[in-house]
Amino acid sequence: MATAKYTPRPLGLDREFFQLAVTTGKLHLQHCNACGHHQHPPRRFCAQCGSGDLGFVPTANRGEVYSWTVSHFTVDSGWVDDLPYATVVVQLPEGPRLVGAYTGDASTLAIGQPVSIRPEARTEDYCFFWIDG
């Protein structure tokens, strides 16, 4: 029998990133207002040009499967009832990649497969990202 899934308590820029997803239902990426670069995870400075002029912009909650792995064992007892499950790396059109848990049958996954990203609020400042095929 599984227990509750572990829920992290994000701080700083990570907290802002998750709060935006919780309050809007949309994945937001950090965007550099100086050069237009998108980045994830959030940082204090643009990884492309070094500018500190950064903000968050919403995405379309879509991308393509870049990679995945199937877990048959978990150290977090909250995931026991979900075994086996797939963790998917999604390539976003804006450039960065995001990791989430796949909701479908892992045997149907394919590189380049279009997927949607669905934030599920766990607290007021944290969400899981589910990947729907």
N, C-alpha and C. Protein backbone atom coordinates (compact mmCIF):
# COMPACT_ATOMS: atom_id res chain seq x y z
N MET A 1 0.85 -1.17 0.00
CA MET A 1 0.00 0.00 0.00
C MET A 1 0.89 1.24 0.00
N ALA A 2 0.58 2.17 -0.87
CA ALA A 2 1.39 3.37 -1.02
C ALA A 2 1.02 4.43 0.03
N THR A 3 1.98 5.25 0.31
CA THR A 3 1.73 6.43 1.15
C THR A 3 1.64 7.64 0.22
N ALA A 4 1.46 8.81 0.78
CA ALA A 4 1.37 10.03 -0.04
C ALA A 4 2.69 10.27 -0.76
N LYS A 5 2.60 10.77 -1.99
CA LYS A 5 3.80 11.11 -2.74
C LYS A 5 4.51 12.29 -2.06
N TYR A 6 5.84 12.22 -2.02
CA TYR A 6 6.63 13.30 -1.45
C TYR A 6 6.38 14.59 -2.23
N THR A 7 6.17 15.68 -1.53
CA THR A 7 5.94 16.98 -2.15
C THR A 7 7.01 17.95 -1.67
N PRO A 8 7.92 18.36 -2.56
CA PRO A 8 8.97 19.31 -2.18
C PRO A 8 8.39 20.68 -1.81
N ARG A 9 9.19 21.48 -1.14
CA ARG A 9 8.82 22.85 -0.81
C ARG A 9 9.82 23.78 -1.49
N PRO A 10 9.50 24.23 -2.72
CA PRO A 10 10.45 25.03 -3.49
C PRO A 10 10.69 26.40 -2.87
N LEU A 11 11.87 26.94 -3.16
CA LEU A 11 12.27 28.26 -2.67
C LEU A 11 12.70 29.14 -3.84
N GLY A 12 12.73 30.43 -3.62
CA GLY A 12 13.28 31.37 -4.59
C GLY A 12 12.62 31.30 -5.95
N LEU A 13 13.46 31.29 -7.00
CA LEU A 13 12.95 31.26 -8.36
C LEU A 13 12.18 29.98 -8.66
N ASP A 14 12.57 28.88 -8.03
CA ASP A 14 11.82 27.63 -8.21
C ASP A 14 10.39 27.79 -7.69
N ARG A 15 10.25 28.47 -6.58
CA ARG A 15 8.91 28.68 -6.01
C ARG A 15 8.06 29.51 -6.96
N GLU A 16 8.64 30.57 -7.51
CA GLU A 16 7.90 31.40 -8.46
C GLU A 16 7.49 30.58 -9.69
N PHE A 17 8.39 29.75 -10.21
CA PHE A 17 8.11 28.89 -11.35
C PHE A 17 6.89 28.00 -11.07
N PHE A 18 6.89 27.32 -9.92
CA PHE A 18 5.79 26.41 -9.58
C PHE A 18 4.50 27.17 -9.26
N GLN A 19 4.60 28.31 -8.58
CA GLN A 19 3.40 29.09 -8.25
C GLN A 19 2.66 29.52 -9.51
N LEU A 20 3.40 29.91 -10.53
CA LEU A 20 2.76 30.31 -11.79
C LEU A 20 2.00 29.15 -12.41
N ALA A 21 2.57 27.96 -12.37
CA ALA A 21 1.88 26.78 -12.92
C ALA A 21 0.64 26.45 -12.10
N VAL A 22 0.75 26.57 -10.78
CA VAL A 22 -0.39 26.26 -9.90
C VAL A 22 -1.52 27.25 -10.14
N THR A 23 -1.21 28.53 -10.21
CA THR A 23 -2.27 29.55 -10.30
C THR A 23 -2.88 29.69 -11.69
N THR A 24 -2.12 29.33 -12.74
CA THR A 24 -2.62 29.53 -14.10
C THR A 24 -2.93 28.23 -14.83
N GLY A 25 -2.40 27.10 -14.33
CA GLY A 25 -2.55 25.85 -15.05
C GLY A 25 -1.66 25.75 -16.27
N LYS A 26 -0.72 26.68 -16.40
CA LYS A 26 0.18 26.73 -17.55
C LYS A 26 1.63 26.63 -17.09
N LEU A 27 2.42 25.89 -17.86
CA LEU A 27 3.86 25.89 -17.67
C LEU A 27 4.40 27.24 -18.11
N HIS A 28 5.20 27.87 -17.28
CA HIS A 28 5.87 29.12 -17.62
C HIS A 28 7.37 28.87 -17.70
N LEU A 29 8.02 29.52 -18.64
CA LEU A 29 9.46 29.44 -18.75
C LEU A 29 10.06 30.81 -18.48
N GLN A 30 11.27 30.81 -17.97
CA GLN A 30 11.97 32.07 -17.78
C GLN A 30 12.41 32.57 -19.15
N HIS A 31 12.22 33.85 -19.39
CA HIS A 31 12.51 34.47 -20.68
C HIS A 31 13.39 35.69 -20.46
N CYS A 32 14.45 35.80 -21.26
CA CYS A 32 15.34 36.95 -21.17
C CYS A 32 14.79 38.08 -22.03
N ASN A 33 14.53 39.21 -21.41
CA ASN A 33 14.00 40.35 -22.14
C ASN A 33 15.06 41.04 -22.99
N ALA A 34 16.34 40.74 -22.74
CA ALA A 34 17.43 41.35 -23.51
C ALA A 34 17.69 40.61 -24.82
N CYS A 35 17.73 39.27 -24.79
CA CYS A 35 18.08 38.52 -26.00
C CYS A 35 17.00 37.56 -26.49
N GLY A 36 15.94 37.35 -25.70
CA GLY A 36 14.83 36.48 -26.11
C GLY A 36 15.00 35.02 -25.78
N HIS A 37 16.09 34.66 -25.11
CA HIS A 37 16.37 33.26 -24.76
C HIS A 37 15.38 32.76 -23.70
N HIS A 38 14.93 31.51 -23.85
CA HIS A 38 14.12 30.83 -22.84
C HIS A 38 15.02 29.86 -22.10
N GLN A 39 14.83 29.72 -20.79
CA GLN A 39 15.67 28.79 -20.03
C GLN A 39 14.88 28.12 -18.92
N HIS A 40 15.35 26.92 -18.59
CA HIS A 40 14.80 26.15 -17.49
C HIS A 40 15.89 25.20 -17.02
N PRO A 41 16.13 25.08 -15.75
CA PRO A 41 15.43 25.71 -14.64
C PRO A 41 15.74 27.21 -14.56
N PRO A 42 14.93 27.94 -13.79
CA PRO A 42 15.13 29.39 -13.64
C PRO A 42 16.49 29.70 -12.99
N ARG A 43 17.06 30.82 -13.45
CA ARG A 43 18.34 31.29 -12.91
C ARG A 43 18.26 32.79 -12.69
N ARG A 44 19.24 33.32 -12.00
CA ARG A 44 19.30 34.77 -11.75
C ARG A 44 19.72 35.56 -12.97
N PHE A 45 20.50 34.90 -13.86
CA PHE A 45 21.01 35.56 -15.05
C PHE A 45 20.77 34.70 -16.28
N CYS A 46 20.65 35.33 -17.43
CA CYS A 46 20.43 34.62 -18.69
C CYS A 46 21.67 33.77 -19.02
N ALA A 47 21.45 32.51 -19.32
CA ALA A 47 22.54 31.60 -19.68
C ALA A 47 23.12 31.94 -21.06
N GLN A 48 22.37 32.69 -21.86
CA GLN A 48 22.80 33.04 -23.22
C GLN A 48 23.61 34.33 -23.25
N CYS A 49 23.12 35.39 -22.58
CA CYS A 49 23.78 36.70 -22.70
C CYS A 49 24.24 37.28 -21.36
N GLY A 50 23.83 36.68 -20.25
CA GLY A 50 24.25 37.16 -18.94
C GLY A 50 23.38 38.25 -18.35
N SER A 51 22.35 38.66 -19.04
CA SER A 51 21.47 39.72 -18.55
C SER A 51 20.68 39.25 -17.33
N GLY A 52 20.39 40.20 -16.45
CA GLY A 52 19.53 39.91 -15.30
C GLY A 52 18.09 40.32 -15.55
N ASP A 53 17.79 40.79 -16.77
CA ASP A 53 16.45 41.25 -17.12
C ASP A 53 15.61 40.06 -17.58
N LEU A 54 15.09 39.31 -16.60
CA LEU A 54 14.37 38.07 -16.87
C LEU A 54 12.95 38.13 -16.34
N GLY A 55 12.06 37.42 -16.98
CA GLY A 55 10.69 37.28 -16.52
C GLY A 55 10.19 35.90 -16.91
N PHE A 56 8.96 35.60 -16.54
CA PHE A 56 8.36 34.32 -16.90
C PHE A 56 7.27 34.55 -17.93
N VAL A 57 7.22 33.66 -18.93
CA VAL A 57 6.19 33.74 -19.97
C VAL A 57 5.49 32.38 -20.06
N PRO A 58 4.18 32.39 -20.34
CA PRO A 58 3.45 31.12 -20.45
C PRO A 58 3.81 30.37 -21.74
N THR A 59 3.66 29.05 -21.69
CA THR A 59 3.85 28.22 -22.88
C THR A 59 2.50 27.66 -23.30
N ALA A 60 2.51 26.90 -24.36
CA ALA A 60 1.28 26.26 -24.84
C ALA A 60 1.06 24.90 -24.17
N ASN A 61 1.91 24.54 -23.19
CA ASN A 61 1.81 23.25 -22.49
C ASN A 61 1.93 22.08 -23.45
N ARG A 62 2.77 22.24 -24.47
CA ARG A 62 2.97 21.18 -25.45
C ARG A 62 4.46 21.00 -25.74
N GLY A 63 4.79 19.82 -26.25
CA GLY A 63 6.16 19.54 -26.66
C GLY A 63 6.22 18.18 -27.31
N GLU A 64 7.45 17.66 -27.45
CA GLU A 64 7.66 16.35 -28.04
C GLU A 64 8.53 15.51 -27.11
N VAL A 65 8.30 14.20 -27.13
CA VAL A 65 9.12 13.30 -26.33
C VAL A 65 10.56 13.36 -26.83
N TYR A 66 11.46 13.68 -25.92
CA TYR A 66 12.89 13.69 -26.22
C TYR A 66 13.53 12.37 -25.78
N SER A 67 13.09 11.90 -24.61
CA SER A 67 13.60 10.66 -24.04
C SER A 67 12.67 10.22 -22.92
N TRP A 68 12.85 8.98 -22.46
CA TRP A 68 12.09 8.51 -21.32
C TRP A 68 12.78 7.31 -20.70
N THR A 69 12.36 6.99 -19.50
CA THR A 69 12.80 5.77 -18.83
C THR A 69 11.60 5.20 -18.09
N VAL A 70 11.58 3.90 -17.93
CA VAL A 70 10.51 3.24 -17.21
C VAL A 70 11.06 2.74 -15.88
N SER A 71 10.42 3.14 -14.79
CA SER A 71 10.84 2.72 -13.46
C SER A 71 10.00 1.52 -13.02
N HIS A 72 10.68 0.49 -12.57
CA HIS A 72 10.02 -0.71 -12.06
C HIS A 72 10.17 -0.82 -10.55
N PHE A 73 10.93 0.11 -9.98
CA PHE A 73 11.18 0.16 -8.55
C PHE A 73 11.24 1.63 -8.15
N THR A 74 10.79 1.95 -6.95
CA THR A 74 10.85 3.32 -6.46
C THR A 74 11.27 3.33 -5.00
N VAL A 75 12.04 4.35 -4.63
CA VAL A 75 12.40 4.51 -3.21
C VAL A 75 11.35 5.34 -2.49
N ASP A 76 10.50 6.06 -3.24
CA ASP A 76 9.42 6.85 -2.66
C ASP A 76 8.17 5.97 -2.64
N SER A 77 7.76 5.54 -1.47
CA SER A 77 6.63 4.61 -1.37
C SER A 77 5.33 5.18 -1.93
N GLY A 78 5.26 6.48 -2.12
CA GLY A 78 4.07 7.09 -2.70
C GLY A 78 3.83 6.71 -4.15
N TRP A 79 4.85 6.20 -4.82
CA TRP A 79 4.74 5.83 -6.23
C TRP A 79 4.54 4.32 -6.44
N VAL A 80 4.51 3.54 -5.36
CA VAL A 80 4.44 2.08 -5.48
C VAL A 80 3.23 1.62 -6.30
N ASP A 81 2.08 2.20 -6.07
CA ASP A 81 0.88 1.78 -6.79
C ASP A 81 0.90 2.16 -8.27
N ASP A 82 1.83 3.04 -8.67
CA ASP A 82 1.94 3.48 -10.06
C ASP A 82 2.96 2.66 -10.86
N LEU A 83 3.68 1.76 -10.20
CA LEU A 83 4.72 0.99 -10.88
C LEU A 83 4.12 0.03 -11.89
N PRO A 84 4.76 -0.20 -13.02
CA PRO A 84 5.86 0.60 -13.52
C PRO A 84 5.32 1.92 -14.09
N TYR A 85 6.15 2.96 -14.05
CA TYR A 85 5.74 4.25 -14.62
C TYR A 85 6.88 4.83 -15.44
N ALA A 86 6.52 5.69 -16.38
CA ALA A 86 7.52 6.31 -17.25
C ALA A 86 7.75 7.76 -16.84
N THR A 87 9.01 8.12 -16.76
CA THR A 87 9.42 9.50 -16.58
C THR A 87 9.89 9.99 -17.94
N VAL A 88 9.30 11.09 -18.41
CA VAL A 88 9.53 11.55 -19.77
C VAL A 88 10.25 12.91 -19.76
N VAL A 89 11.21 13.04 -20.67
CA VAL A 89 11.85 14.33 -20.93
C VAL A 89 11.17 14.90 -22.16
N VAL A 90 10.58 16.09 -22.00
CA VAL A 90 9.85 16.73 -23.10
C VAL A 90 10.68 17.89 -23.66
N GLN A 91 10.87 17.88 -24.97
CA GLN A 91 11.53 18.99 -25.66
C GLN A 91 10.45 20.03 -25.95
N LEU A 92 10.62 21.21 -25.39
CA LEU A 92 9.64 22.28 -25.59
C LEU A 92 9.99 23.08 -26.85
N PRO A 93 9.01 23.61 -27.56
CA PRO A 93 9.28 24.39 -28.77
C PRO A 93 10.17 25.61 -28.50
N GLU A 94 10.12 26.11 -27.26
CA GLU A 94 10.91 27.29 -26.90
C GLU A 94 12.39 26.96 -26.69
N GLY A 95 12.73 25.67 -26.62
CA GLY A 95 14.13 25.27 -26.48
C GLY A 95 14.44 24.41 -25.27
N PRO A 96 14.04 24.81 -24.06
CA PRO A 96 14.36 24.00 -22.89
C PRO A 96 13.62 22.66 -22.88
N ARG A 97 14.03 21.81 -21.96
CA ARG A 97 13.37 20.52 -21.74
C ARG A 97 12.78 20.48 -20.35
N LEU A 98 11.72 19.70 -20.19
CA LEU A 98 11.04 19.55 -18.90
C LEU A 98 10.84 18.06 -18.63
N VAL A 99 10.92 17.67 -17.37
CA VAL A 99 10.74 16.29 -16.97
C VAL A 99 9.39 16.15 -16.27
N GLY A 100 8.66 15.09 -16.60
CA GLY A 100 7.37 14.83 -15.96
C GLY A 100 7.05 13.35 -16.00
N ALA A 101 5.97 12.97 -15.34
CA ALA A 101 5.52 11.58 -15.29
C ALA A 101 4.48 11.35 -16.38
N TYR A 102 4.67 10.28 -17.14
CA TYR A 102 3.77 9.96 -18.24
C TYR A 102 2.50 9.30 -17.72
N THR A 103 1.36 9.68 -18.26
CA THR A 103 0.07 9.16 -17.79
C THR A 103 -0.43 7.98 -18.60
N GLY A 104 0.17 7.72 -19.75
CA GLY A 104 -0.32 6.65 -20.60
C GLY A 104 0.49 5.38 -20.47
N ASP A 105 0.29 4.50 -21.42
CA ASP A 105 1.00 3.23 -21.49
C ASP A 105 2.40 3.49 -22.03
N ALA A 106 3.43 3.20 -21.25
CA ALA A 106 4.80 3.49 -21.65
C ALA A 106 5.20 2.79 -22.94
N SER A 107 4.55 1.68 -23.25
CA SER A 107 4.91 0.95 -24.47
C SER A 107 4.51 1.72 -25.73
N THR A 108 3.69 2.75 -25.58
CA THR A 108 3.27 3.55 -26.74
C THR A 108 4.16 4.76 -26.97
N LEU A 109 5.13 5.02 -26.09
CA LEU A 109 5.99 6.19 -26.23
C LEU A 109 6.92 6.06 -27.44
N ALA A 110 7.19 7.20 -28.09
CA ALA A 110 8.11 7.24 -29.22
C ALA A 110 8.83 8.58 -29.23
N ILE A 111 10.09 8.58 -29.60
CA ILE A 111 10.84 9.82 -29.74
C ILE A 111 10.12 10.70 -30.76
N GLY A 112 9.94 11.97 -30.42
CA GLY A 112 9.27 12.91 -31.31
C GLY A 112 7.76 12.93 -31.17
N GLN A 113 7.20 12.05 -30.36
CA GLN A 113 5.75 11.98 -30.16
C GLN A 113 5.24 13.28 -29.55
N PRO A 114 4.22 13.89 -30.12
CA PRO A 114 3.64 15.09 -29.52
C PRO A 114 2.97 14.75 -28.19
N VAL A 115 3.19 15.58 -27.19
CA VAL A 115 2.59 15.38 -25.87
C VAL A 115 2.13 16.73 -25.33
N SER A 116 1.26 16.66 -24.34
CA SER A 116 0.86 17.88 -23.64
C SER A 116 1.30 17.77 -22.19
N ILE A 117 1.49 18.91 -21.57
CA ILE A 117 1.98 19.00 -20.20
C ILE A 117 0.84 19.52 -19.34
N ARG A 118 0.56 18.78 -18.26
CA ARG A 118 -0.56 19.14 -17.40
C ARG A 118 -0.06 19.32 -15.96
N PRO A 119 -0.02 20.57 -15.49
CA PRO A 119 0.35 20.79 -14.08
C PRO A 119 -0.79 20.36 -13.16
N GLU A 120 -0.44 19.65 -12.09
CA GLU A 120 -1.42 19.25 -11.07
C GLU A 120 -0.96 19.83 -9.74
N ALA A 121 -1.71 20.78 -9.22
CA ALA A 121 -1.34 21.43 -7.95
C ALA A 121 -1.31 20.43 -6.81
N ARG A 122 -0.23 20.45 -6.04
CA ARG A 122 -0.12 19.63 -4.84
C ARG A 122 -0.19 20.48 -3.59
N THR A 123 0.33 21.71 -3.68
CA THR A 123 0.22 22.72 -2.64
C THR A 123 0.03 24.05 -3.36
N GLU A 124 -0.02 25.13 -2.61
CA GLU A 124 -0.19 26.44 -3.26
C GLU A 124 1.07 26.87 -4.01
N ASP A 125 2.20 26.21 -3.77
CA ASP A 125 3.42 26.60 -4.46
C ASP A 125 4.22 25.42 -5.01
N TYR A 126 3.52 24.33 -5.33
CA TYR A 126 4.19 23.18 -5.96
C TYR A 126 3.17 22.38 -6.76
N CYS A 127 3.62 21.86 -7.90
CA CYS A 127 2.77 20.99 -8.71
C CYS A 127 3.59 19.87 -9.31
N PHE A 128 2.93 18.76 -9.63
CA PHE A 128 3.51 17.71 -10.44
C PHE A 128 3.24 18.08 -11.89
N PHE A 129 4.15 17.71 -12.77
CA PHE A 129 3.91 17.87 -14.19
C PHE A 129 3.64 16.49 -14.78
N TRP A 130 2.39 16.31 -15.24
CA TRP A 130 1.99 15.07 -15.88
C TRP A 130 2.12 15.25 -17.38
N ILE A 131 2.61 14.23 -18.04
CA ILE A 131 2.78 14.26 -19.49
C ILE A 131 1.72 13.35 -20.10
N ASP A 132 0.85 13.95 -20.89
CA ASP A 132 -0.24 13.22 -21.53
C ASP A 132 0.10 12.98 -23.00
N GLY A 133 -0.07 11.74 -23.47
CA GLY A 133 0.28 11.38 -24.85
C GLY A 133 -0.86 11.53 -25.80
